[in-house]
Amino acid sequence: MKSAFKMKGFSGFGNSPAKQKQVPLSEHEDKKGTIITGGSEAEEINDLEDRIEFLNSDISDSDSTMKKGKMITQRNKLQARLKKMRAK
């Protein structure tokens, strides 16, 4: 007998917080030596806030519009993740 929970393609726990991951480092952040500490929810929120601040600083200091675009995209991903973390 098949259970509804074993049906192909169904995942009742697809949005589980345990499966959510940090936004990976962008190439720019990796070159600057940014570190993701992880751990508790508060530490992840602090990491995201720090990364957003650093990117904002780098965006204002950058002369290259190409680099600015990539940094803005990364910052937007981080801001979206931060918003989800705070909504919990």
Protein backbone atom coordinates (compact mmCIF):
# COMPACT_ATOMS: atom_id res chain seq x y z
CA MET A 1 0.00 0.00 0.00
CA LYS A 2 1.40 3.40 -1.00
CA SER A 3 1.22 6.36 1.30
CA ALA A 4 0.50 9.87 0.01
CA PHE A 5 3.77 10.99 1.58
CA LYS A 6 5.75 8.56 -0.57
CA MET A 7 4.32 9.85 -3.84
CA LYS A 8 6.93 10.87 -6.34
CA GLY A 9 7.57 14.59 -6.35
CA PHE A 10 5.83 15.28 -3.03
CA SER A 11 7.87 16.71 -0.24
CA GLY A 12 5.87 17.73 2.79
CA PHE A 13 8.98 19.24 4.35
CA GLY A 14 10.51 20.99 1.32
CA ASN A 15 10.78 24.36 3.03
CA SER A 16 12.21 23.05 6.25
CA PRO A 17 14.57 25.54 7.97
CA ALA A 18 17.10 22.73 8.34
CA LYS A 19 17.44 22.55 4.54
CA GLN A 20 17.89 26.30 4.04
CA LYS A 21 21.45 27.42 3.45
CA GLN A 22 23.33 30.67 3.64
CA VAL A 23 23.68 32.68 0.45
CA PRO A 24 27.04 31.56 -0.96
CA LEU A 25 29.89 34.03 -1.20
CA SER A 26 30.13 35.93 -4.45
CA GLU A 27 33.43 35.98 -6.31
CA HIS A 28 34.03 39.51 -5.03
CA GLU A 29 33.40 38.51 -1.39
CA ASP A 30 35.57 35.43 -1.75
CA LYS A 31 38.49 37.53 -3.04
CA LYS A 32 38.10 39.93 -0.09
CA GLY A 33 38.29 37.03 2.36
CA THR A 34 34.73 37.21 3.70
CA ILE A 35 33.90 34.36 6.07
CA ILE A 36 30.51 32.81 6.85
CA THR A 37 30.46 31.61 10.44
CA GLY A 38 26.98 30.08 10.50
CA GLY A 39 25.79 28.45 13.68
CA SER A 40 22.83 29.96 15.48
CA GLU A 41 20.13 32.00 13.80
CA ALA A 42 21.41 35.19 15.48
CA GLU A 43 24.93 34.57 14.11
CA GLU A 44 23.56 34.05 10.60
CA ILE A 45 21.59 37.30 10.81
CA ASN A 46 24.70 39.15 12.02
CA ASP A 47 26.75 37.64 9.17
CA LEU A 48 24.17 38.73 6.60
CA GLU A 49 24.03 42.25 8.04
CA ASP A 50 27.83 42.52 7.97
CA ARG A 51 28.06 41.24 4.42
CA ILE A 52 25.41 43.74 3.28
CA GLU A 53 27.29 46.60 4.97
CA PHE A 54 30.58 45.57 3.38
CA LEU A 55 28.98 45.30 -0.05
CA ASN A 56 27.34 48.73 0.33
CA SER A 57 30.76 50.19 1.13
CA ASP A 58 32.38 48.39 -1.81
CA ILE A 59 29.60 49.52 -4.16
CA SER A 60 30.09 53.17 -3.22
CA ASP A 61 33.88 52.86 -3.63
CA SER A 62 33.82 50.98 -6.95
CA ASP A 63 34.50 52.71 -10.26
CA SER A 64 33.55 49.77 -12.49
CA THR A 65 29.85 49.59 -13.40
CA MET A 66 30.26 45.88 -14.20
CA LYS A 67 31.54 45.12 -10.69
CA LYS A 68 28.87 47.36 -9.17
CA GLY A 69 26.16 45.38 -10.95
CA LYS A 70 27.41 42.06 -9.61
CA MET A 71 27.80 43.47 -6.10
CA ILE A 72 24.29 44.95 -6.18
CA THR A 73 22.88 41.59 -7.30
CA GLN A 74 24.68 39.83 -4.43
CA ARG A 75 23.51 42.47 -1.96
CA ASN A 76 19.91 41.99 -3.10
CA LYS A 77 20.19 38.21 -2.55
CA LEU A 78 21.56 38.83 0.93
CA GLN A 79 18.82 41.33 1.75
CA ALA A 80 16.15 38.84 0.64
CA ARG A 81 17.69 36.11 2.80
CA LEU A 82 17.92 38.52 5.76
CA LYS A 83 14.26 39.43 5.36
CA LYS A 84 13.31 35.72 5.48
CA MET A 85 15.48 35.15 8.55
CA ARG A 86 13.91 38.07 10.42
CA ALA A 87 10.37 36.99 9.47
CA LYS A 88 10.73 33.73 11.41
